[in-house]
Amino acid sequence: MFDDGAKMMLFFAGVAAVVLSMAAEQNAPREALSTDVNTAGLPALPLAADLVSGPAQASVSSGPVALGDGFEAELLYGYVLEGRAVTRREFRTDATSSISPLDLGIV
């Protein structure tokens, strides 16, 4: 029915369609990510961090914290750091993207 050239053309057209649809999904407009955190129920953080000694970290005694969508976290440590965000990646479709939709690379 199809010769080898037509089969290859159909194959590459299908691959191109998949790649373009994935790129369109990644770059599609989406509602603004909420970065507001309700800190009322969180323990106090260490006071400050400096560039010489690294992040300030302290143990916290806290119960579980509701993250929404049925997720819960138990806080073990609080920390403060200073740095520069060098990469940013948004997640949409994995299982935890509803509670952690943003990944930052910090140096």
N, C-alpha and C. Protein backbone atom coordinates (compact mmCIF):
# COMPACT_ATOMS: atom_id res chain seq x y z
N MET A 1 0.82 -1.19 0.00
CA MET A 1 0.00 0.00 0.00
C MET A 1 0.87 1.25 0.00
N PHE A 2 1.85 1.34 0.94
CA PHE A 2 2.78 2.46 0.97
C PHE A 2 4.17 1.96 0.66
N ASP A 3 4.92 2.72 -0.11
CA ASP A 3 6.31 2.33 -0.35
C ASP A 3 7.15 2.82 0.83
N ASP A 4 8.43 2.46 0.86
CA ASP A 4 9.30 2.78 1.99
C ASP A 4 9.42 4.29 2.21
N GLY A 5 9.49 5.05 1.13
CA GLY A 5 9.59 6.51 1.27
C GLY A 5 8.37 7.10 1.94
N ALA A 6 7.19 6.63 1.57
CA ALA A 6 5.95 7.14 2.17
C ALA A 6 5.86 6.74 3.64
N LYS A 7 6.29 5.52 3.97
CA LYS A 7 6.27 5.08 5.37
C LYS A 7 7.18 5.95 6.23
N MET A 8 8.37 6.25 5.69
CA MET A 8 9.31 7.09 6.44
C MET A 8 8.74 8.50 6.62
N MET A 9 8.13 9.02 5.57
CA MET A 9 7.54 10.35 5.65
C MET A 9 6.42 10.39 6.70
N LEU A 10 5.57 9.37 6.74
CA LEU A 10 4.50 9.30 7.73
C LEU A 10 5.07 9.19 9.15
N PHE A 11 6.12 8.40 9.30
CA PHE A 11 6.76 8.23 10.60
C PHE A 11 7.31 9.56 11.11
N PHE A 12 8.08 10.26 10.27
CA PHE A 12 8.67 11.53 10.68
C PHE A 12 7.61 12.60 10.91
N ALA A 13 6.53 12.59 10.15
CA ALA A 13 5.44 13.53 10.37
C ALA A 13 4.78 13.27 11.72
N GLY A 14 4.61 12.00 12.08
CA GLY A 14 4.04 11.65 13.38
C GLY A 14 4.94 12.07 14.53
N VAL A 15 6.25 11.83 14.39
CA VAL A 15 7.20 12.24 15.43
C VAL A 15 7.19 13.75 15.58
N ALA A 16 7.18 14.48 14.47
CA ALA A 16 7.15 15.94 14.52
C ALA A 16 5.88 16.43 15.21
N ALA A 17 4.74 15.79 14.93
CA ALA A 17 3.48 16.20 15.57
C ALA A 17 3.55 15.99 17.08
N VAL A 18 4.12 14.89 17.53
CA VAL A 18 4.24 14.63 18.97
C VAL A 18 5.15 15.66 19.62
N VAL A 19 6.30 15.93 19.00
CA VAL A 19 7.24 16.90 19.57
C VAL A 19 6.62 18.29 19.64
N LEU A 20 5.95 18.71 18.59
CA LEU A 20 5.31 20.02 18.59
C LEU A 20 4.20 20.12 19.62
N SER A 21 3.42 19.06 19.80
CA SER A 21 2.35 19.11 20.80
C SER A 21 2.93 19.17 22.22
N MET A 22 4.04 18.47 22.46
CA MET A 22 4.68 18.54 23.77
C MET A 22 5.23 19.94 24.03
N ALA A 23 5.84 20.56 23.03
CA ALA A 23 6.37 21.91 23.19
C ALA A 23 5.23 22.90 23.42
N ALA A 24 4.14 22.73 22.71
CA ALA A 24 3.00 23.63 22.89
C ALA A 24 2.43 23.52 24.30
N GLU A 25 2.36 22.32 24.85
CA GLU A 25 1.85 22.12 26.21
C GLU A 25 2.77 22.79 27.23
N GLN A 26 4.07 22.65 27.04
CA GLN A 26 5.03 23.21 27.98
C GLN A 26 4.97 24.73 27.98
N ASN A 27 4.75 25.33 26.81
CA ASN A 27 4.77 26.78 26.69
C ASN A 27 3.39 27.41 26.68
N ALA A 28 2.37 26.62 26.89
CA ALA A 28 1.00 27.15 26.86
C ALA A 28 0.78 28.08 28.05
N PRO A 29 -0.06 29.09 27.87
CA PRO A 29 -0.35 29.97 29.01
C PRO A 29 -0.98 29.19 30.16
N ARG A 30 -0.65 29.57 31.34
CA ARG A 30 -1.26 28.95 32.51
C ARG A 30 -1.49 30.01 33.55
N GLU A 31 -2.38 29.71 34.45
CA GLU A 31 -2.66 30.68 35.50
C GLU A 31 -1.40 30.91 36.32
N ALA A 32 -1.29 32.07 36.89
CA ALA A 32 -0.10 32.43 37.66
C ALA A 32 0.09 31.46 38.82
N LEU A 33 1.32 31.06 39.05
CA LEU A 33 1.63 30.19 40.17
C LEU A 33 1.51 30.98 41.47
N SER A 34 0.84 30.40 42.41
CA SER A 34 0.71 31.05 43.70
C SER A 34 1.96 30.78 44.52
N THR A 35 2.62 31.84 44.94
CA THR A 35 3.80 31.68 45.78
C THR A 35 3.55 32.19 47.20
N ASP A 36 2.30 32.49 47.48
CA ASP A 36 1.95 32.93 48.83
C ASP A 36 1.96 31.74 49.76
N VAL A 37 2.59 31.90 50.90
CA VAL A 37 2.64 30.84 51.90
C VAL A 37 2.02 31.36 53.18
N ASN A 38 1.08 30.60 53.72
CA ASN A 38 0.48 30.97 54.99
C ASN A 38 1.44 30.55 56.10
N THR A 39 2.12 31.51 56.66
CA THR A 39 3.15 31.21 57.65
C THR A 39 2.62 31.21 59.09
N ALA A 40 1.32 31.44 59.26
CA ALA A 40 0.77 31.53 60.61
C ALA A 40 0.97 30.24 61.40
N GLY A 41 0.86 29.09 60.75
CA GLY A 41 0.98 27.82 61.47
C GLY A 41 2.37 27.22 61.43
N LEU A 42 3.34 27.96 60.90
CA LEU A 42 4.70 27.42 60.77
C LEU A 42 5.56 27.89 61.94
N PRO A 43 6.57 27.09 62.32
CA PRO A 43 7.46 27.50 63.40
C PRO A 43 8.37 28.65 62.94
N ALA A 44 8.98 29.32 63.89
CA ALA A 44 9.89 30.42 63.57
C ALA A 44 11.12 29.90 62.84
N LEU A 45 11.63 30.70 61.92
CA LEU A 45 12.82 30.34 61.15
C LEU A 45 14.06 30.90 61.82
N PRO A 46 15.25 30.35 61.48
CA PRO A 46 16.48 30.97 61.96
C PRO A 46 16.52 32.43 61.50
N LEU A 47 17.25 33.26 62.21
CA LEU A 47 17.22 34.69 61.95
C LEU A 47 17.78 35.08 60.58
N ALA A 48 18.96 34.61 60.23
CA ALA A 48 19.57 35.06 58.98
C ALA A 48 20.62 34.06 58.51
N ALA A 49 20.98 34.20 57.26
CA ALA A 49 22.05 33.39 56.68
C ALA A 49 23.12 34.34 56.16
N ASP A 50 24.35 33.85 56.08
CA ASP A 50 25.39 34.67 55.45
C ASP A 50 26.10 33.84 54.39
N LEU A 51 26.78 34.51 53.49
CA LEU A 51 27.40 33.84 52.37
C LEU A 51 28.62 33.01 52.76
N VAL A 52 29.24 33.31 53.90
CA VAL A 52 30.45 32.60 54.31
C VAL A 52 30.12 31.23 54.91
N SER A 53 29.20 31.19 55.85
CA SER A 53 28.93 29.93 56.55
C SER A 53 27.82 29.10 55.92
N GLY A 54 27.12 29.63 54.93
CA GLY A 54 26.08 28.86 54.26
C GLY A 54 24.73 29.07 54.89
N PRO A 55 23.79 28.18 54.56
CA PRO A 55 22.42 28.34 55.06
C PRO A 55 22.34 28.22 56.59
N ALA A 56 21.43 28.97 57.18
CA ALA A 56 21.14 28.83 58.60
C ALA A 56 20.05 27.77 58.73
N GLN A 57 20.27 26.83 59.62
CA GLN A 57 19.34 25.71 59.77
C GLN A 57 19.08 25.46 61.24
N ALA A 58 17.85 25.14 61.59
CA ALA A 58 17.49 24.85 62.97
C ALA A 58 16.42 23.77 63.00
N SER A 59 16.49 22.90 63.98
CA SER A 59 15.45 21.89 64.18
C SER A 59 14.17 22.59 64.62
N VAL A 60 13.05 22.06 64.19
CA VAL A 60 11.76 22.63 64.60
C VAL A 60 10.91 21.51 65.19
N SER A 61 10.07 21.86 66.12
CA SER A 61 9.13 20.89 66.66
C SER A 61 7.75 21.31 66.20
N SER A 62 7.26 20.62 65.21
CA SER A 62 5.99 20.99 64.62
C SER A 62 5.25 19.72 64.23
N GLY A 63 3.95 19.80 64.23
CA GLY A 63 3.14 18.68 63.78
C GLY A 63 3.01 18.71 62.26
N PRO A 64 2.17 17.88 61.73
CA PRO A 64 1.97 17.86 60.28
C PRO A 64 1.36 19.16 59.77
N VAL A 65 1.74 19.52 58.55
CA VAL A 65 1.24 20.73 57.89
C VAL A 65 0.47 20.29 56.66
N ALA A 66 -0.77 20.74 56.52
CA ALA A 66 -1.58 20.40 55.35
C ALA A 66 -1.11 21.20 54.16
N LEU A 67 -0.84 20.51 53.05
CA LEU A 67 -0.37 21.17 51.83
C LEU A 67 -1.47 21.33 50.80
N GLY A 68 -2.61 20.71 51.04
CA GLY A 68 -3.71 20.77 50.08
C GLY A 68 -3.74 19.52 49.22
N ASP A 69 -4.87 19.29 48.57
CA ASP A 69 -5.06 18.13 47.70
C ASP A 69 -4.77 16.80 48.39
N GLY A 70 -4.97 16.75 49.72
CA GLY A 70 -4.75 15.51 50.46
C GLY A 70 -3.31 15.25 50.85
N PHE A 71 -2.40 16.18 50.56
CA PHE A 71 -0.99 16.00 50.91
C PHE A 71 -0.70 16.63 52.26
N GLU A 72 0.22 16.02 52.99
CA GLU A 72 0.66 16.52 54.28
C GLU A 72 2.17 16.43 54.35
N ALA A 73 2.78 17.34 55.10
CA ALA A 73 4.23 17.29 55.31
C ALA A 73 4.50 17.44 56.80
N GLU A 74 5.55 16.82 57.25
CA GLU A 74 5.99 17.00 58.62
C GLU A 74 7.30 17.75 58.59
N LEU A 75 7.31 18.92 59.21
CA LEU A 75 8.50 19.76 59.20
C LEU A 75 9.52 19.23 60.20
N LEU A 76 10.75 19.10 59.75
CA LEU A 76 11.83 18.65 60.62
C LEU A 76 12.84 19.76 60.88
N TYR A 77 13.13 20.55 59.85
CA TYR A 77 14.10 21.62 59.96
C TYR A 77 13.57 22.87 59.28
N GLY A 78 13.94 24.00 59.80
CA GLY A 78 13.69 25.28 59.14
C GLY A 78 15.02 25.83 58.69
N TYR A 79 15.05 26.47 57.55
CA TYR A 79 16.31 27.03 57.08
C TYR A 79 16.09 28.32 56.31
N VAL A 80 17.13 29.12 56.29
CA VAL A 80 17.16 30.37 55.55
C VAL A 80 18.45 30.37 54.75
N LEU A 81 18.35 30.77 53.49
CA LEU A 81 19.55 30.82 52.67
C LEU A 81 19.52 32.06 51.80
N GLU A 82 20.70 32.47 51.37
CA GLU A 82 20.82 33.55 50.41
C GLU A 82 21.46 32.97 49.17
N GLY A 83 20.93 33.32 48.02
CA GLY A 83 21.49 32.81 46.78
C GLY A 83 20.81 33.44 45.59
N ARG A 84 21.14 32.94 44.44
CA ARG A 84 20.56 33.44 43.19
C ARG A 84 19.91 32.27 42.47
N ALA A 85 18.68 32.47 42.04
CA ALA A 85 17.98 31.44 41.26
C ALA A 85 18.53 31.49 39.83
N VAL A 86 19.13 30.38 39.40
CA VAL A 86 19.73 30.35 38.06
C VAL A 86 18.89 29.54 37.07
N THR A 87 18.01 28.70 37.56
CA THR A 87 17.10 27.97 36.68
C THR A 87 15.71 27.94 37.31
N ARG A 88 14.73 27.79 36.46
CA ARG A 88 13.34 27.70 36.90
C ARG A 88 12.64 26.71 36.00
N ARG A 89 11.92 25.78 36.60
CA ARG A 89 11.18 24.79 35.82
C ARG A 89 9.80 24.62 36.44
N GLU A 90 8.78 24.70 35.61
CA GLU A 90 7.42 24.50 36.07
C GLU A 90 6.98 23.08 35.74
N PHE A 91 6.23 22.49 36.65
CA PHE A 91 5.69 21.15 36.45
C PHE A 91 4.18 21.24 36.37
N ARG A 92 3.58 20.46 35.48
CA ARG A 92 2.13 20.49 35.30
C ARG A 92 1.46 19.14 35.46
N THR A 93 2.09 18.09 35.01
CA THR A 93 1.36 16.84 34.86
C THR A 93 1.79 15.73 35.81
N ASP A 94 2.84 15.91 36.58
CA ASP A 94 3.23 14.81 37.47
C ASP A 94 2.36 14.81 38.72
N ALA A 95 2.50 13.78 39.53
CA ALA A 95 1.59 13.56 40.65
C ALA A 95 1.64 14.66 41.70
N THR A 96 2.79 15.29 41.89
CA THR A 96 2.91 16.29 42.95
C THR A 96 2.92 17.72 42.44
N SER A 97 2.62 17.94 41.18
CA SER A 97 2.67 19.30 40.65
C SER A 97 1.61 20.21 41.28
N SER A 98 0.57 19.65 41.85
CA SER A 98 -0.44 20.49 42.49
C SER A 98 0.07 21.11 43.79
N ILE A 99 1.04 20.50 44.46
CA ILE A 99 1.58 21.08 45.69
C ILE A 99 2.96 21.66 45.50
N SER A 100 3.67 21.26 44.46
CA SER A 100 5.01 21.79 44.20
C SER A 100 5.20 21.97 42.69
N PRO A 101 4.59 23.03 42.14
CA PRO A 101 4.62 23.19 40.70
C PRO A 101 5.87 23.88 40.17
N LEU A 102 6.78 24.28 41.04
CA LEU A 102 7.92 25.09 40.63
C LEU A 102 9.20 24.54 41.23
N ASP A 103 10.24 24.40 40.41
CA ASP A 103 11.54 23.93 40.87
C ASP A 103 12.56 25.01 40.54
N LEU A 104 13.30 25.44 41.54
CA LEU A 104 14.31 26.47 41.35
C LEU A 104 15.69 25.89 41.57
N GLY A 105 16.63 26.23 40.69
CA GLY A 105 18.05 25.90 40.88
C GLY A 105 18.71 27.10 41.52
N ILE A 106 19.23 26.97 42.72
CA ILE A 106 19.78 28.11 43.46
C ILE A 106 21.25 27.89 43.73
N VAL A 107 22.06 28.91 43.44
CA VAL A 107 23.49 28.86 43.74
C VAL A 107 23.85 30.01 44.65
